[in-house]
Protein backbone atom coordinates (compact mmCIF):
# COMPACT_ATOMS: atom_id res chain seq x y z
CA MET A 1 11.46 -16.72 1.51
CA GLU A 2 13.28 -14.54 4.01
CA LYS A 3 12.25 -14.89 7.65
CA ARG A 4 12.40 -12.29 10.40
CA SER A 5 12.49 -12.46 14.17
CA PHE A 6 9.01 -11.90 15.57
CA GLY A 7 9.04 -9.68 18.63
CA ASN A 8 10.01 -11.35 21.89
CA THR A 9 8.61 -14.75 20.91
CA GLY A 10 11.79 -16.36 19.63
CA LEU A 11 9.83 -17.28 16.49
CA ASP A 12 11.17 -16.63 13.01
CA VAL A 13 8.32 -15.86 10.61
CA SER A 14 8.20 -15.49 6.86
CA ARG A 15 7.93 -11.96 5.50
CA LEU A 16 4.57 -13.03 4.05
CA THR A 17 1.76 -14.38 6.24
CA PHE A 18 -0.98 -16.50 4.65
CA GLY A 19 -4.24 -14.76 5.57
CA CYS A 20 -7.25 -17.07 5.85
CA GLY A 21 -9.93 -14.37 6.09
CA ALA A 22 -13.12 -13.66 4.22
CA VAL A 23 -11.88 -10.55 2.37
CA GLY A 24 -9.84 -12.71 -0.01
CA GLY A 25 -12.20 -15.62 0.42
CA LEU A 26 -10.21 -18.69 -0.60
CA MET A 27 -10.34 -20.28 2.85
CA THR A 28 -14.00 -19.44 3.46
CA LYS A 29 -15.60 -20.03 0.05
CA GLY A 30 -13.01 -21.83 -2.10
CA ASP A 31 -12.87 -25.44 -3.17
CA ALA A 32 -11.08 -27.78 -0.78
CA ALA A 33 -8.63 -28.87 -3.47
CA ASP A 34 -7.69 -25.25 -4.22
CA GLN A 35 -7.25 -24.53 -0.51
CA ASP A 36 -5.04 -27.56 0.00
CA ARG A 37 -2.99 -26.70 -3.06
CA ALA A 38 -2.41 -23.10 -1.92
CA ILE A 39 -1.38 -24.09 1.59
CA ALA A 40 0.95 -26.78 0.28
CA TRP A 41 2.50 -24.29 -2.14
CA ALA A 42 2.95 -21.76 0.67
CA ARG A 43 4.73 -24.29 2.86
CA ASP A 44 6.91 -25.50 -0.01
CA ASN A 45 7.94 -21.91 -0.75
CA GLY A 46 8.94 -20.80 2.72
CA ILE A 47 5.70 -19.25 4.01
CA ASN A 48 5.42 -20.49 7.58
CA PHE A 49 2.78 -18.22 9.18
CA PHE A 50 -0.96 -18.96 8.81
CA ASP A 51 -3.51 -16.63 10.39
CA THR A 52 -7.21 -17.35 10.85
CA ALA A 53 -10.06 -16.43 13.22
CA ALA A 54 -13.23 -17.91 14.64
CA SER A 55 -15.27 -15.24 12.84
CA TYR A 56 -13.92 -15.97 9.36
CA GLY A 57 -16.86 -17.67 7.74
CA ASN A 58 -18.25 -18.46 11.21
CA GLY A 59 -15.57 -21.09 11.79
CA ILE A 60 -15.29 -22.29 8.19
CA SER A 61 -11.81 -20.87 7.70
CA GLU A 62 -10.50 -22.69 10.78
CA THR A 63 -12.14 -25.93 9.67
CA ASN A 64 -10.60 -25.68 6.21
CA LEU A 65 -7.18 -24.76 7.55
CA GLY A 66 -7.37 -27.66 10.00
CA ARG A 67 -8.19 -30.06 7.19
CA ALA A 68 -5.38 -28.78 5.00
CA LEU A 69 -2.79 -28.92 7.79
CA ASN A 70 -4.08 -32.28 9.05
CA GLY A 71 -2.22 -31.82 12.31
CA ASN A 72 1.13 -31.24 10.61
CA THR A 73 2.37 -27.97 12.07
CA ASP A 74 6.05 -28.83 11.88
CA GLY A 75 7.96 -25.62 11.21
CA ILE A 76 4.91 -23.39 10.95
CA VAL A 77 3.16 -20.79 13.10
CA VAL A 78 -0.63 -20.81 13.46
CA SER A 79 -2.64 -17.97 14.95
CA THR A 80 -6.35 -17.53 15.55
CA LYS A 81 -8.57 -14.95 17.23
CA VAL A 82 -11.57 -14.34 19.44
CA GLY A 83 -13.98 -11.43 19.15
CA LEU A 84 -16.00 -10.54 22.25
CA ASN A 85 -19.60 -9.35 21.95
CA THR A 86 -21.31 -7.20 24.58
CA ASP A 87 -22.99 -10.27 26.08
CA ASP A 88 -19.59 -11.93 26.52
CA LEU A 89 -18.37 -9.19 28.84
CA THR A 90 -20.32 -10.63 31.78
CA ASP A 91 -18.12 -13.76 31.58
CA VAL A 92 -14.99 -12.89 29.65
CA ALA A 93 -12.98 -15.88 30.88
CA GLY A 94 -15.71 -18.32 29.91
CA ALA A 95 -16.33 -16.75 26.51
CA VAL A 96 -12.63 -16.69 25.68
CA ALA A 97 -12.09 -20.29 26.81
CA ARG A 98 -15.10 -21.59 24.88
CA SER A 99 -14.00 -19.78 21.75
CA LEU A 100 -10.45 -21.11 21.82
CA ASP A 101 -11.60 -24.65 22.57
CA ALA A 102 -13.95 -24.53 19.58
CA SER A 103 -11.16 -23.09 17.41
CA LEU A 104 -8.76 -25.86 18.42
CA THR A 105 -11.38 -28.49 17.59
CA ARG A 106 -11.88 -27.00 14.12
CA LEU A 107 -8.14 -26.64 13.58
CA LYS A 108 -7.51 -30.22 14.81
CA LEU A 109 -4.77 -28.90 17.12
CA ASP A 110 -4.13 -29.01 20.84
CA HIS A 111 -2.75 -25.46 20.84
CA VAL A 112 -2.08 -22.46 18.63
CA ASP A 113 1.09 -20.43 18.61
CA ILE A 114 -0.66 -17.07 18.93
CA PHE A 115 -4.15 -16.29 20.26
CA GLN A 116 -5.33 -12.78 19.44
CA LEU A 117 -8.09 -10.44 20.58
CA HIS A 118 -10.18 -9.45 17.54
CA ASN A 119 -12.03 -6.35 18.80
CA THR A 120 -11.99 -2.66 18.06
CA LEU A 121 -10.62 -0.75 21.05
CA GLY A 122 -12.39 2.30 22.40
CA ARG A 123 -14.87 2.58 19.52
CA THR A 124 -18.23 0.94 18.97
CA ASP A 125 -18.37 -1.65 16.20
CA PHE A 126 -20.71 -4.50 15.25
CA ARG A 127 -19.65 -6.42 18.38
CA GLY A 128 -20.29 -3.52 20.76
CA THR A 129 -17.73 -1.50 22.69
CA LEU A 130 -14.61 -2.80 24.41
CA ASN A 131 -12.40 -0.37 26.29
CA VAL A 132 -8.77 -0.72 27.19
CA GLU A 133 -9.49 -1.09 30.90
CA GLN A 134 -11.63 -4.16 30.19
CA VAL A 135 -8.78 -5.63 28.16
CA LEU A 136 -6.27 -5.02 30.93
CA ASP A 137 -8.54 -6.14 33.79
CA ASP A 138 -10.50 -9.01 32.22
CA VAL A 139 -9.25 -10.11 28.80
CA ILE A 140 -5.54 -10.41 29.56
CA PRO A 141 -6.04 -12.58 32.69
CA ALA A 142 -8.37 -14.85 30.68
CA PHE A 143 -5.80 -15.11 27.90
CA GLU A 144 -2.99 -15.79 30.36
CA LYS A 145 -4.97 -18.62 31.92
CA LEU A 146 -5.24 -20.29 28.51
CA ARG A 147 -1.53 -19.77 27.90
CA ASP A 148 -0.74 -21.33 31.27
CA ALA A 149 -2.93 -24.30 30.29
CA GLY A 150 -0.82 -24.82 27.16
CA LYS A 151 -3.55 -23.90 24.69
CA THR A 152 -1.59 -20.99 23.22
CA ARG A 153 2.04 -19.98 23.37
CA PHE A 154 1.71 -16.23 22.93
CA LEU A 155 -0.93 -13.52 23.20
CA GLY A 156 -1.81 -10.90 20.62
CA PHE A 157 -4.39 -8.32 19.61
CA THR A 158 -5.74 -6.55 16.54
CA ALA A 159 -4.57 -2.93 16.70
CA LYS A 160 -7.82 -1.35 15.57
CA GLY A 161 -9.41 1.59 17.35
CA GLU A 162 -8.20 4.56 19.34
CA ALA A 163 -4.47 5.16 19.00
CA ASP A 164 -4.01 5.91 22.72
CA ASP A 165 -5.50 2.52 23.59
CA LEU A 166 -3.42 0.66 21.02
CA HIS A 167 -0.19 2.20 22.28
CA LYS A 168 -1.17 1.38 25.86
CA LEU A 169 -1.66 -2.30 24.96
CA VAL A 170 1.62 -2.44 23.06
CA LYS A 171 3.39 -1.13 26.15
CA CYS A 172 1.54 -3.18 28.78
CA GLY A 173 3.87 -6.19 28.51
CA ALA A 174 1.19 -8.85 28.10
CA PHE A 175 1.09 -9.06 24.31
CA SER A 176 3.69 -10.53 21.98
CA SER A 177 1.97 -9.70 18.68
CA ALA A 178 -0.19 -6.98 17.15
CA GLN A 179 -1.99 -6.85 13.85
CA VAL A 180 -1.24 -3.35 12.57
CA PHE A 181 -3.17 -1.56 9.82
CA TYR A 182 -0.63 -0.21 7.39
CA ASN A 183 -0.76 0.56 3.66
CA LEU A 184 -0.13 3.20 1.01
CA LEU A 185 -3.34 4.99 1.94
CA VAL A 186 -2.96 4.62 5.72
CA PRO A 187 0.79 5.06 6.37
CA SER A 188 0.65 6.46 9.91
CA ALA A 189 1.66 3.24 11.68
CA GLY A 190 4.99 3.53 9.90
CA GLU A 191 5.72 7.24 9.76
CA ALA A 192 4.44 10.62 10.91
CA VAL A 193 1.58 12.13 8.92
CA PRO A 194 0.20 15.68 8.84
CA ALA A 195 -2.65 16.54 11.20
CA ASP A 196 -4.99 16.91 8.22
CA TYR A 197 -4.12 13.55 6.65
CA PRO A 198 -7.41 11.82 5.71
CA ALA A 199 -6.91 8.63 7.73
CA ASP A 200 -6.45 7.39 11.27
CA ASP A 201 -3.22 8.48 12.91
CA PHE A 202 -1.74 5.34 14.47
CA ARG A 203 1.26 7.41 15.59
CA GLN A 204 4.04 5.14 14.34
CA LEU A 205 2.70 2.10 16.13
CA LEU A 206 5.21 -0.15 14.34
CA ASP A 207 8.12 1.56 16.07
CA ALA A 208 6.35 1.41 19.42
CA ALA A 209 5.75 -2.31 18.95
CA LEU A 210 9.37 -2.91 18.02
CA ASP A 211 10.58 -0.97 21.05
CA ASN A 212 8.39 -3.10 23.34
CA GLY A 213 9.22 -6.52 21.91
CA VAL A 214 5.86 -6.91 20.17
CA GLY A 215 5.89 -8.57 16.75
CA SER A 216 3.83 -6.67 14.18
CA ILE A 217 1.73 -8.30 11.48
CA GLY A 218 0.91 -5.82 8.72
CA VAL A 219 -2.76 -6.16 7.76
CA ARG A 220 -4.98 -4.56 5.12
CA VAL A 221 -1.83 -3.87 3.15
CA LEU A 222 -3.93 -3.90 -0.03
CA ALA A 223 -6.64 -1.80 1.66
CA GLY A 224 -9.13 -4.65 1.36
CA GLY A 225 -8.42 -4.86 -2.38
CA ALA A 226 -8.66 -1.16 -3.19
CA LEU A 227 -4.93 -1.00 -3.91
CA SER A 228 -5.51 -3.23 -6.92
CA GLY A 229 -6.84 -0.05 -8.52
CA SER A 230 -10.14 -1.71 -9.41
CA GLU A 231 -13.57 -1.88 -7.78
CA VAL A 232 -14.17 -5.32 -9.33
CA ARG A 233 -13.96 -8.03 -6.70
CA HIS A 234 -13.28 -11.75 -7.04
CA PRO A 235 -16.42 -13.90 -6.60
CA LEU A 236 -14.87 -15.67 -3.58
CA GLY A 237 -14.11 -12.44 -1.77
CA MET A 238 -16.43 -10.28 0.30
CA PRO A 239 -18.77 -8.49 -2.11
CA SER A 240 -18.21 -5.20 -0.31
CA VAL A 241 -15.42 -4.15 2.03
CA GLU A 242 -15.54 -1.30 4.50
CA PRO A 243 -12.22 0.56 4.63
CA ILE A 244 -10.30 0.45 7.88
CA GLY A 245 -8.35 3.53 8.84
CA SER A 246 -8.80 5.58 5.70
CA GLU A 247 -11.90 7.53 6.83
CA THR A 248 -13.50 7.19 3.40
CA ASP A 249 -15.31 4.63 1.23
CA TYR A 250 -14.03 1.82 -0.96
CA GLY A 251 -14.56 3.70 -4.23
CA THR A 252 -12.59 6.69 -2.95
CA ASP A 253 -9.81 4.37 -1.81
CA VAL A 254 -9.64 2.88 -5.32
CA ARG A 255 -9.43 6.33 -6.90
CA ARG A 256 -6.66 7.31 -4.50
CA ALA A 257 -4.86 4.05 -5.25
CA LEU A 258 -4.76 4.97 -8.93
CA GLN A 259 -2.72 8.06 -8.07
CA PHE A 260 0.19 5.68 -7.44
CA ALA A 261 -0.05 4.29 -10.98
CA PRO A 262 2.74 6.57 -12.30
CA LEU A 263 5.21 4.67 -10.09
CA VAL A 264 4.20 1.46 -11.82
CA GLU A 265 4.58 3.15 -15.19
CA ALA A 266 8.03 4.33 -14.12
CA GLY A 267 9.06 0.75 -13.40
CA TYR A 268 9.20 0.75 -9.60
CA ALA A 269 6.82 -2.22 -9.58
CA ALA A 270 5.04 -4.38 -12.12
CA SER A 271 1.58 -3.65 -10.68
CA LEU A 272 -0.19 -1.64 -8.00
CA PRO A 273 -0.50 -4.68 -5.67
CA GLU A 274 3.23 -5.29 -5.99
CA LEU A 275 3.93 -1.64 -5.21
CA ALA A 276 1.65 -1.82 -2.17
CA ILE A 277 3.29 -4.96 -0.80
CA ARG A 278 6.82 -3.75 -1.38
CA TYR A 279 5.95 -0.42 0.24
CA VAL A 280 5.03 -2.04 3.55
CA ILE A 281 7.97 -4.44 3.61
CA SER A 282 10.25 -1.45 3.07
CA ASN A 283 9.66 -0.58 6.72
CA PRO A 284 12.29 -2.45 8.78
CA ALA A 285 10.03 -2.39 11.87
CA LEU A 286 7.54 -4.75 10.20
CA PRO A 287 8.59 -8.43 10.34
CA THR A 288 5.68 -9.88 8.35
CA THR A 289 2.75 -8.75 6.24
CA GLU A 290 -0.49 -10.66 5.83
CA ILE A 291 -2.22 -11.11 2.49
CA GLY A 292 -5.74 -12.44 2.01
CA ILE A 293 -6.15 -14.32 -1.25
CA ALA A 294 -8.81 -15.75 -3.53
CA THR A 295 -6.53 -17.89 -5.71
CA LEU A 296 -3.18 -19.62 -5.72
CA GLU A 297 -2.07 -17.18 -8.41
CA GLU A 298 -2.68 -14.24 -6.06
CA LEU A 299 -0.59 -15.97 -3.40
CA GLN A 300 2.20 -16.56 -5.89
CA GLN A 301 2.12 -12.93 -7.01
CA ALA A 302 2.26 -11.72 -3.41
CA ALA A 303 5.20 -14.01 -2.65
CA ALA A 304 7.01 -12.79 -5.76
CA ALA A 305 6.48 -9.18 -4.65
CA VAL A 306 7.89 -9.89 -1.19
CA ASN A 307 10.85 -11.71 -2.69
CA LYS A 308 11.68 -8.67 -4.83
CA GLY A 309 12.37 -6.81 -1.61
CA PRO A 310 11.90 -3.21 -0.48
CA LEU A 311 11.37 -0.30 -2.83
CA PRO A 312 14.29 2.03 -3.55
CA ASP A 313 14.55 5.29 -1.65
CA ASP A 314 13.58 7.42 -4.64
CA GLY A 315 10.43 5.37 -5.13
CA LEU A 316 9.52 5.82 -1.47
CA ALA A 317 10.10 9.56 -1.85
CA GLN A 318 7.66 9.68 -4.77
CA ILE A 319 5.11 7.76 -2.72
CA ARG A 320 5.36 10.33 0.07
CA THR A 321 4.70 13.08 -2.49
CA VAL A 322 1.49 11.35 -3.55
CA GLN A 323 0.47 10.87 0.08
CA ALA A 324 1.13 14.54 0.81
CA GLY A 325 -1.37 15.33 -1.92
CA PHE A 326 -4.06 13.39 -0.07
CA ALA A 327 -3.57 15.63 2.97
CA GLN A 328 -3.73 18.79 0.89
CA ALA A 329 -6.87 17.59 -0.89
CA GLY A 330 -8.51 16.64 2.41
């Protein structure tokens, strides 16, 4: 699989990142043998980036990834995350240090390549509210201390929340990676959208990241599964998924996804998931895209989609026509 330079890190990462989250579910609910088989297949087929988090299955994902890797990180990149609750804000440095130490124990590693903040910025979510000033004043120094101690090589954050805050963090110089929400239904991280477009406006965050040496990881590229065009979910996956960025509900996202079906019928892709994956990798500012999976077959299909490469210009033009219809309908 093709690899791309990842921001200012000096790392070369595969165009596809193996997501270990609960939305797909393999690494939180799957059988150990299936997990080991999928990770081995990924490594054998050029996928060298594995992303997990302390919150995925309350540490289960990290434990399973640690078992599967068994300390062998030769040639691969491992990232994990910490999410801060309101109670943690009285001792950010302690909370961050404890979280990473626990993650490293589960992963059976002495360091990770990338340690990422896993909070929503400037908006209240289930963890509470974290504002950009707290990140700049408290979180970044705590992260830097762990980097200086050799427990992580690079710092990153999940680019979820208020666009002004996300752009400020991309430009602040402390972060080397950002998980960016980008898909057929939420295209604003990659290109300008009308003011009435029914989704968050991330204001071309991918270009801002590229300009500031921050490596972007495309996330929710299948809109939590909605871009399969079906509301049926795999038993290993989360039974219900709240959309991120699309300002709607999962059923509406599925119905909007089906409006791209004519491109599949026209032969631009073999399936809606393939179309969705090839859409995001068509943006040259995005070095890697993360896919959460339930089965080895899903991983293989995602890898095949990436290996087919970007969509042709006329296909991208037809996609923009469909997207323009969402704005008009909104």
